[in-house]
Each structure stands twice: as structure tokens, then as C-alpha cells.
Amino acid sequence: MTQINPQKFAAFAPNALPGTLAALEAAAAKFKLTDRLVLAHWLGQMHVESKGFSTLTESLNYSVDGLMKTFKRSRISAVDCETFGRKQGRAANQNAIANIVYGGAFGKAQLGNDQPGDGWRFRGGGVKQITGRANYREAGHEADPNVLRTDVKASAEAAANFFVKHRCVAAALTDDVKAVTLLVNGGINGLDDRKVRTAAAKTMLA
């Protein structure tokens, strides 16, 4: 099992949920993420995905402007952004937002969301923020998606499994944060932060 210094991890992720370090170490060992460079990339990426390992549930608390900027109009219309986004005095309708941006033709083709309500049911969960029915199925949690949102150990294993199955290890071995980000995120959202966190993980593991 790869050992990470607890004090260094606390500095790396001061707001991590209880049990996170042990869960990450066990998952890294189980899925053979033992190379220090690979481990650093995995930890750096997962740090960003889970907001410093502080949450296992995706927030869709977008403002109207946030929805407009984050998603293309092919994913959510301007009218729906205005209708469901957060405004002064009105909370975001996160359920509706999830079912729109993770549903429809995009959700079916890219995420395997083929049933009404799948967007919300299979919203981001776990350290990796696993999203979509197909990815929950791959992680072994299609029947009970809430496991990834409540169980740190299961969420760490799902994150490691994703990293291996989606060819992230090979990209990590080239030390290319952008390439790893594309595989993890599907885009380059938060690329600068991912570079910073990966560098910090390398320092932690040195």
C-alpha cells in the first residue's frame, strides 16, 4: 500500500472528509496506482473534482449567469437558464438543472442516461464526481447511486477504477496535466487549478 504522510496530506487537503486518506491509500493500492507520478496526477485531479476532498456530491447551485457561461445552449437554453438558475431571493432548481444538462440527446449518448430523472439520479458523486448512468454502472453503483455520495471508501475506489479504465495512467506517465484533464473531465475545466494541485501532490509525495 502506498503510504502518504498524514501531516503532508492535511496540508494538501485541509478540508478533506474524515477517512479520506486511508480510503485513497487503499484504492491506490487496489488499482495499482503506485507510481509516484501517476499517484500525483490522480490525487491532483481528484482534489479538484471533489473540492479538496471536502464533498462527495455535485453542486448544481448555478446562478443564471453561471449556467449561461458553463453550458452550451445545446445543453440548456437561455430560457431554462433564466427559469431554473439561482437569482436573488430564489434558489437554483438543481433537480431540473441536472435533468436538463445531463439529459436529452447528450445525456443518452454521452452518459447513458436513458430514463426520465436520470440526470438528477446520476449527478456527480464521489471523489471523482462520477456522472451518468453508464459511469455509475461501470463503478458498480447503478442500483444505488447514493453509495458514492455517502461512502468515502467506495468513492475512492470508483475514482481509481475510472482513472485506470479511462486510460488516464498512460497520460499521467507523460506528465501532461492537460491530457489527463481531458480524460478525467471531458474538457479542460479548471485546468490551471489542476496543474497547481498536481504540482502540490508531487511535492507531498516527494
C-alpha atoms as a PDB file:
ATOM      1  CA  MET A   1       0.000   0.000   0.000  1.00  0.00           C
ATOM      2  CA  THR A   2       1.266   3.461  -0.887  1.00  0.00           C
ATOM      3  CA  GLN A   3       1.810   5.468   2.277  1.00  0.00           C
ATOM      4  CA  ILE A   4       1.122   9.201   2.307  1.00  0.00           C
ATOM      5  CA  ASN A   5       2.389  11.274   5.198  1.00  0.00           C
ATOM      6  CA  PRO A   6      -0.706  12.315   7.202  1.00  0.00           C
ATOM      7  CA  GLN A   7       0.672  15.751   8.067  1.00  0.00           C
ATOM      8  CA  LYS A   8       1.529  16.464   4.449  1.00  0.00           C
ATOM      9  CA  PHE A   9      -1.896  15.270   3.328  1.00  0.00           C
ATOM     10  CA  ALA A  10      -3.559  17.536   5.892  1.00  0.00           C
ATOM     11  CA  ALA A  11      -1.694  20.479   4.379  1.00  0.00           C
ATOM     12  CA  PHE A  12      -2.581  19.335   0.853  1.00  0.00           C
ATOM     13  CA  ALA A  13      -6.278  18.894   1.649  1.00  0.00           C
ATOM     14  CA  PRO A  14      -7.115  20.603   4.954  1.00  0.00           C
ATOM     15  CA  ASN A  15     -10.874  20.234   4.468  1.00  0.00           C
ATOM     16  CA  ALA A  16     -10.871  16.559   3.494  1.00  0.00           C
ATOM     17  CA  LEU A  17     -13.693  14.421   4.828  1.00  0.00           C
ATOM     18  CA  PRO A  18     -12.850  12.014   7.684  1.00  0.00           C
ATOM     19  CA  GLY A  19     -11.344   8.761   6.460  1.00  0.00           C
ATOM     20  CA  THR A  20     -10.281  10.183   3.107  1.00  0.00           C
ATOM     21  CA  LEU A  21      -6.559   9.482   3.400  1.00  0.00           C
ATOM     22  CA  ALA A  22      -7.000   5.819   4.340  1.00  0.00           C
ATOM     23  CA  ALA A  23      -9.573   5.373   1.567  1.00  0.00           C
ATOM     24  CA  LEU A  24      -7.278   6.924  -1.046  1.00  0.00           C
ATOM     25  CA  GLU A  25      -4.299   4.818   0.035  1.00  0.00           C
ATOM     26  CA  ALA A  26      -6.349   1.620  -0.094  1.00  0.00           C
ATOM     27  CA  ALA A  27      -7.840   2.465  -3.507  1.00  0.00           C
ATOM     28  CA  ALA A  28      -4.427   3.358  -4.926  1.00  0.00           C
ATOM     29  CA  ALA A  29      -3.070   0.010  -3.759  1.00  0.00           C
ATOM     30  CA  LYS A  30      -6.051  -1.970  -5.071  1.00  0.00           C
ATOM     31  CA  PHE A  31      -5.872  -0.411  -8.541  1.00  0.00           C
ATOM     32  CA  LYS A  32      -2.068  -0.302  -8.625  1.00  0.00           C
ATOM     33  CA  LEU A  33      -1.707   3.481  -8.772  1.00  0.00           C
ATOM     34  CA  THR A  34       1.668   3.094  -7.098  1.00  0.00           C
ATOM     35  CA  ASP A  35       3.970   5.013  -9.438  1.00  0.00           C
ATOM     36  CA  ARG A  36       4.560   8.369  -7.733  1.00  0.00           C
ATOM     37  CA  LEU A  37       3.946  10.383 -10.894  1.00  0.00           C
ATOM     38  CA  VAL A  38       0.694   8.548 -11.613  1.00  0.00           C
ATOM     39  CA  LEU A  39      -0.398   8.873  -7.987  1.00  0.00           C
ATOM     40  CA  ALA A  40       0.346  12.605  -8.022  1.00  0.00           C
ATOM     41  CA  HIS A  41      -1.761  13.137 -11.135  1.00  0.00           C
ATOM     42  CA  TRP A  42      -4.612  11.084  -9.691  1.00  0.00           C
ATOM     43  CA  LEU A  43      -4.574  12.968  -6.403  1.00  0.00           C
ATOM     44  CA  GLY A  44      -4.257  16.351  -8.108  1.00  0.00           C
ATOM     45  CA  GLN A  45      -7.206  15.672 -10.401  1.00  0.00           C
ATOM     46  CA  MET A  46      -9.385  14.233  -7.646  1.00  0.00           C
ATOM     47  CA  HIS A  47      -8.564  17.193  -5.402  1.00  0.00           C
ATOM     48  CA  VAL A  48     -10.160  19.497  -7.963  1.00  0.00           C
ATOM     49  CA  GLU A  49     -13.084  17.179  -8.709  1.00  0.00           C
ATOM     50  CA  SER A  50     -14.061  16.938  -5.035  1.00  0.00           C
ATOM     51  CA  LYS A  51     -13.171  20.471  -3.923  1.00  0.00           C
ATOM     52  CA  GLY A  52     -10.230  19.344  -1.856  1.00  0.00           C
ATOM     53  CA  PHE A  53     -11.855  16.015  -0.920  1.00  0.00           C
ATOM     54  CA  SER A  54     -14.443  18.020   1.021  1.00  0.00           C
ATOM     55  CA  THR A  55     -17.571  16.809  -0.780  1.00  0.00           C
ATOM     56  CA  LEU A  56     -18.885  13.669  -2.436  1.00  0.00           C
ATOM     57  CA  THR A  57     -21.943  15.298  -4.023  1.00  0.00           C
ATOM     58  CA  GLU A  58     -22.001  17.564  -7.055  1.00  0.00           C
ATOM     59  CA  SER A  59     -23.443  21.019  -6.506  1.00  0.00           C
ATOM     60  CA  LEU A  60     -25.641  22.318  -9.304  1.00  0.00           C
ATOM     61  CA  ASN A  61     -26.364  25.545  -7.445  1.00  0.00           C
ATOM     62  CA  TYR A  62     -25.733  27.644 -10.534  1.00  0.00           C
ATOM     63  CA  SER A  63     -26.775  31.235 -10.929  1.00  0.00           C
ATOM     64  CA  VAL A  64     -28.492  32.211 -14.178  1.00  0.00           C
ATOM     65  CA  ASP A  65     -25.218  33.692 -15.419  1.00  0.00           C
ATOM     66  CA  GLY A  66     -23.283  30.651 -14.228  1.00  0.00           C
ATOM     67  CA  LEU A  67     -25.487  28.338 -16.263  1.00  0.00           C
ATOM     68  CA  MET A  68     -25.134  30.532 -19.329  1.00  0.00           C
ATOM     69  CA  LYS A  69     -21.345  30.515 -19.075  1.00  0.00           C
ATOM     70  CA  THR A  70     -20.812  26.885 -18.065  1.00  0.00           C
ATOM     71  CA  PHE A  71     -23.021  25.070 -20.556  1.00  0.00           C
ATOM     72  CA  LYS A  72     -23.576  25.459 -24.278  1.00  0.00           C
ATOM     73  CA  ARG A  73     -27.063  26.401 -25.470  1.00  0.00           C
ATOM     74  CA  SER A  74     -27.293  22.922 -27.000  1.00  0.00           C
ATOM     75  CA  ARG A  75     -27.267  21.627 -23.408  1.00  0.00           C
ATOM     76  CA  ILE A  76     -29.551  24.197 -21.788  1.00  0.00           C
ATOM     77  CA  SER A  77     -31.493  27.032 -23.373  1.00  0.00           C
ATOM     78  CA  ALA A  78     -31.311  30.653 -22.293  1.00  0.00           C
ATOM     79  CA  VAL A  79     -34.952  30.370 -21.207  1.00  0.00           C
ATOM     80  CA  ASP A  80     -34.183  27.388 -18.972  1.00  0.00           C
ATOM     81  CA  CYS A  81     -31.141  29.167 -17.534  1.00  0.00           C
ATOM     82  CA  GLU A  82     -33.412  32.046 -16.588  1.00  0.00           C
ATOM     83  CA  THR A  83     -36.130  29.739 -15.283  1.00  0.00           C
ATOM     84  CA  PHE A  84     -34.052  27.379 -13.160  1.00  0.00           C
ATOM     85  CA  GLY A  85     -30.859  29.268 -12.297  1.00  0.00           C
ATOM     86  CA  ARG A  86     -30.289  30.929  -8.935  1.00  0.00           C
ATOM     87  CA  LYS A  87     -31.409  34.534  -8.564  1.00  0.00           C
ATOM     88  CA  GLN A  88     -31.604  36.916  -5.661  1.00  0.00           C
ATOM     89  CA  GLY A  89     -34.370  35.579  -3.457  1.00  0.00           C
ATOM     90  CA  ARG A  90     -34.683  32.311  -5.391  1.00  0.00           C
ATOM     91  CA  ALA A  91     -32.666  29.121  -5.061  1.00  0.00           C
ATOM     92  CA  ALA A  92     -31.483  27.208  -8.091  1.00  0.00           C
ATOM     93  CA  ASN A  93     -33.678  24.281  -9.078  1.00  0.00           C
ATOM     94  CA  GLN A  94     -30.836  21.779  -9.015  1.00  0.00           C
ATOM     95  CA  ASN A  95     -33.022  18.793  -9.871  1.00  0.00           C
ATOM     96  CA  ALA A  96     -34.315  20.459 -13.032  1.00  0.00           C
ATOM     97  CA  ILE A  97     -30.849  21.692 -13.996  1.00  0.00           C
ATOM     98  CA  ALA A  98     -29.366  18.193 -13.675  1.00  0.00           C
ATOM     99  CA  ASN A  99     -32.117  16.615 -15.737  1.00  0.00           C
ATOM    100  CA  ILE A 100     -31.616  19.197 -18.481  1.00  0.00           C
ATOM    101  CA  VAL A 101     -27.816  19.354 -18.743  1.00  0.00           C
ATOM    102  CA  TYR A 102     -27.321  15.608 -18.183  1.00  0.00           C
ATOM    103  CA  GLY A 103     -30.430  14.526 -20.061  1.00  0.00           C
ATOM    104  CA  GLY A 104     -31.757  14.650 -23.596  1.00  0.00           C
ATOM    105  CA  ALA A 105     -29.709  13.526 -26.567  1.00  0.00           C
ATOM    106  CA  PHE A 106     -26.422  14.468 -24.875  1.00  0.00           C
ATOM    107  CA  GLY A 107     -27.210  12.542 -21.722  1.00  0.00           C
ATOM    108  CA  LYS A 108     -28.272   9.444 -23.614  1.00  0.00           C
ATOM    109  CA  ALA A 109     -25.286   9.414 -25.972  1.00  0.00           C
ATOM    110  CA  GLN A 110     -22.541  10.522 -23.593  1.00  0.00           C
ATOM    111  CA  LEU A 111     -23.707   9.368 -20.170  1.00  0.00           C
ATOM    112  CA  GLY A 112     -26.108   6.503 -20.765  1.00  0.00           C
ATOM    113  CA  ASN A 113     -28.954   8.447 -19.164  1.00  0.00           C
ATOM    114  CA  ASP A 114     -31.932   6.872 -20.906  1.00  0.00           C
ATOM    115  CA  GLN A 115     -34.672   7.153 -18.279  1.00  0.00           C
ATOM    116  CA  PRO A 116     -36.622  10.203 -17.039  1.00  0.00           C
ATOM    117  CA  GLY A 117     -34.890  11.671 -13.995  1.00  0.00           C
ATOM    118  CA  ASP A 118     -31.528  10.037 -14.720  1.00  0.00           C
ATOM    119  CA  GLY A 119     -29.785  13.409 -14.882  1.00  0.00           C
ATOM    120  CA  TRP A 120     -30.513  14.076 -11.216  1.00  0.00           C
ATOM    121  CA  ARG A 121     -30.342  10.441 -10.096  1.00  0.00           C
ATOM    122  CA  PHE A 122     -26.888  10.016 -11.613  1.00  0.00           C
ATOM    123  CA  ARG A 123     -25.489  13.500 -11.000  1.00  0.00           C
ATOM    124  CA  GLY A 124     -21.886  13.799  -9.920  1.00  0.00           C
ATOM    125  CA  GLY A 125     -20.980  11.616  -6.972  1.00  0.00           C
ATOM    126  CA  GLY A 126     -17.852  10.527  -5.142  1.00  0.00           C
ATOM    127  CA  VAL A 127     -14.262  11.746  -5.187  1.00  0.00           C
ATOM    128  CA  LYS A 128     -14.270  11.648  -8.997  1.00  0.00           C
ATOM    129  CA  GLN A 129     -17.790  13.094  -9.279  1.00  0.00           C
ATOM    130  CA  ILE A 130     -18.839  10.082 -11.361  1.00  0.00           C
ATOM    131  CA  THR A 131     -21.669  11.274 -13.628  1.00  0.00           C
ATOM    132  CA  GLY A 132     -24.253   9.400 -15.687  1.00  0.00           C
ATOM    133  CA  ARG A 133     -25.928   6.002 -15.543  1.00  0.00           C
ATOM    134  CA  ALA A 134     -23.234   4.338 -17.681  1.00  0.00           C
ATOM    135  CA  ASN A 135     -20.404   5.536 -15.441  1.00  0.00           C
ATOM    136  CA  TYR A 136     -22.256   4.536 -12.263  1.00  0.00           C
ATOM    137  CA  ARG A 137     -22.792   1.117 -13.852  1.00  0.00           C
ATOM    138  CA  GLU A 138     -19.074   0.869 -14.627  1.00  0.00           C
ATOM    139  CA  ALA A 139     -18.327   1.739 -10.991  1.00  0.00           C
ATOM    140  CA  GLY A 140     -20.763  -0.933  -9.793  1.00  0.00           C
ATOM    141  CA  HIS A 141     -23.240   1.501  -8.222  1.00  0.00           C
ATOM    142  CA  GLU A 142     -26.036   1.835 -10.775  1.00  0.00           C
ATOM    143  CA  ALA A 143     -28.556   0.219  -8.404  1.00  0.00           C
ATOM    144  CA  ASP A 144     -27.765   2.583  -5.527  1.00  0.00           C
ATOM    145  CA  PRO A 145     -26.013   5.743  -6.754  1.00  0.00           C
ATOM    146  CA  ASN A 146     -26.139   7.310  -3.290  1.00  0.00           C
ATOM    147  CA  VAL A 147     -23.358   4.971  -2.155  1.00  0.00           C
ATOM    148  CA  LEU A 148     -20.820   7.133  -3.998  1.00  0.00           C
ATOM    149  CA  ARG A 149     -22.196  10.232  -2.276  1.00  0.00           C
ATOM    150  CA  THR A 150     -22.002   8.803   1.230  1.00  0.00           C
ATOM    151  CA  ASP A 151     -19.186   6.235   1.374  1.00  0.00           C
ATOM    152  CA  VAL A 152     -15.650   7.622   1.178  1.00  0.00           C
ATOM    153  CA  LYS A 153     -14.090   4.190   0.626  1.00  0.00           C
ATOM    154  CA  ALA A 154     -16.439   3.290  -2.237  1.00  0.00           C
ATOM    155  CA  SER A 155     -15.991   6.707  -3.806  1.00  0.00           C
ATOM    156  CA  ALA A 156     -12.185   6.446  -3.701  1.00  0.00           C
ATOM    157  CA  GLU A 157     -12.311   3.001  -5.322  1.00  0.00           C
ATOM    158  CA  ALA A 158     -14.628   4.297  -8.057  1.00  0.00           C
ATOM    159  CA  ALA A 159     -12.229   7.190  -8.684  1.00  0.00           C
ATOM    160  CA  ALA A 160      -9.257   4.851  -9.013  1.00  0.00           C
ATOM    161  CA  ASN A 161     -11.229   2.466 -11.220  1.00  0.00           C
ATOM    162  CA  PHE A 162     -12.181   5.364 -13.515  1.00  0.00           C
ATOM    163  CA  PHE A 163      -8.570   6.552 -13.720  1.00  0.00           C
ATOM    164  CA  VAL A 164      -7.432   3.106 -14.840  1.00  0.00           C
ATOM    165  CA  LYS A 165     -10.285   2.266 -17.211  1.00  0.00           C
ATOM    166  CA  HIS A 166     -10.257   5.639 -18.956  1.00  0.00           C
ATOM    167  CA  ARG A 167      -6.564   5.445 -19.900  1.00  0.00           C
ATOM    168  CA  CYS A 168      -5.512   8.189 -17.506  1.00  0.00           C
ATOM    169  CA  VAL A 169      -2.487   6.234 -16.267  1.00  0.00           C
ATOM    170  CA  ALA A 170      -0.707   6.369 -19.631  1.00  0.00           C
ATOM    171  CA  ALA A 171      -1.369  10.104 -19.892  1.00  0.00           C
ATOM    172  CA  ALA A 172      -0.124  10.648 -16.336  1.00  0.00           C
ATOM    173  CA  LEU A 173       3.132   8.862 -17.134  1.00  0.00           C
ATOM    174  CA  THR A 174       3.813  11.531 -19.778  1.00  0.00           C
ATOM    175  CA  ASP A 175       3.333  14.164 -17.044  1.00  0.00           C
ATOM    176  CA  ASP A 176       0.823  16.021 -19.229  1.00  0.00           C
ATOM    177  CA  VAL A 177      -1.809  17.607 -16.982  1.00  0.00           C
ATOM    178  CA  LYS A 178      -3.899  18.790 -19.922  1.00  0.00           C
ATOM    179  CA  ALA A 179      -4.055  15.302 -21.425  1.00  0.00           C
ATOM    180  CA  VAL A 180      -5.088  13.809 -18.089  1.00  0.00           C
ATOM    181  CA  THR A 181      -7.669  16.558 -17.593  1.00  0.00           C
ATOM    182  CA  LEU A 182      -9.279  15.831 -20.956  1.00  0.00           C
ATOM    183  CA  LEU A 183      -9.713  12.196 -19.963  1.00  0.00           C
ATOM    184  CA  VAL A 184     -10.961  12.951 -16.451  1.00  0.00           C
ATOM    185  CA  ASN A 185     -13.146  15.956 -17.202  1.00  0.00           C
ATOM    186  CA  GLY A 186     -14.038  15.585 -20.853  1.00  0.00           C
ATOM    187  CA  GLY A 187     -12.800  19.147 -21.345  1.00  0.00           C
ATOM    188  CA  ILE A 188     -10.283  21.439 -19.711  1.00  0.00           C
ATOM    189  CA  ASN A 189     -12.436  22.913 -16.953  1.00  0.00           C
ATOM    190  CA  GLY A 190     -10.234  24.090 -14.095  1.00  0.00           C
ATOM    191  CA  LEU A 191      -7.022  23.279 -15.950  1.00  0.00           C
ATOM    192  CA  ASP A 192      -4.927  25.880 -14.117  1.00  0.00           C
ATOM    193  CA  ASP A 193      -6.107  24.605 -10.741  1.00  0.00           C
ATOM    194  CA  ARG A 194      -5.431  21.029 -11.815  1.00  0.00           C
ATOM    195  CA  LYS A 195      -1.858  21.991 -12.675  1.00  0.00           C
ATOM    196  CA  VAL A 196      -1.414  23.617  -9.267  1.00  0.00           C
ATOM    197  CA  ARG A 197      -2.913  20.665  -7.368  1.00  0.00           C
ATOM    198  CA  THR A 198      -0.915  18.097  -9.309  1.00  0.00           C
ATOM    199  CA  ALA A 199       2.281  20.014  -8.571  1.00  0.00           C
ATOM    200  CA  ALA A 200       1.291  20.145  -4.899  1.00  0.00           C
ATOM    201  CA  ALA A 201       0.673  16.390  -4.905  1.00  0.00           C
ATOM    202  CA  LYS A 202       4.135  15.798  -6.362  1.00  0.00           C
ATOM    203  CA  THR A 203       5.626  17.860  -3.544  1.00  0.00           C
ATOM    204  CA  MET A 204       3.585  15.950  -0.970  1.00  0.00           C
ATOM    205  CA  LEU A 205       4.824  12.608  -2.305  1.00  0.00           C
ATOM    206  CA  ALA A 206       8.472  13.649  -2.683  1.00  0.00           C
END
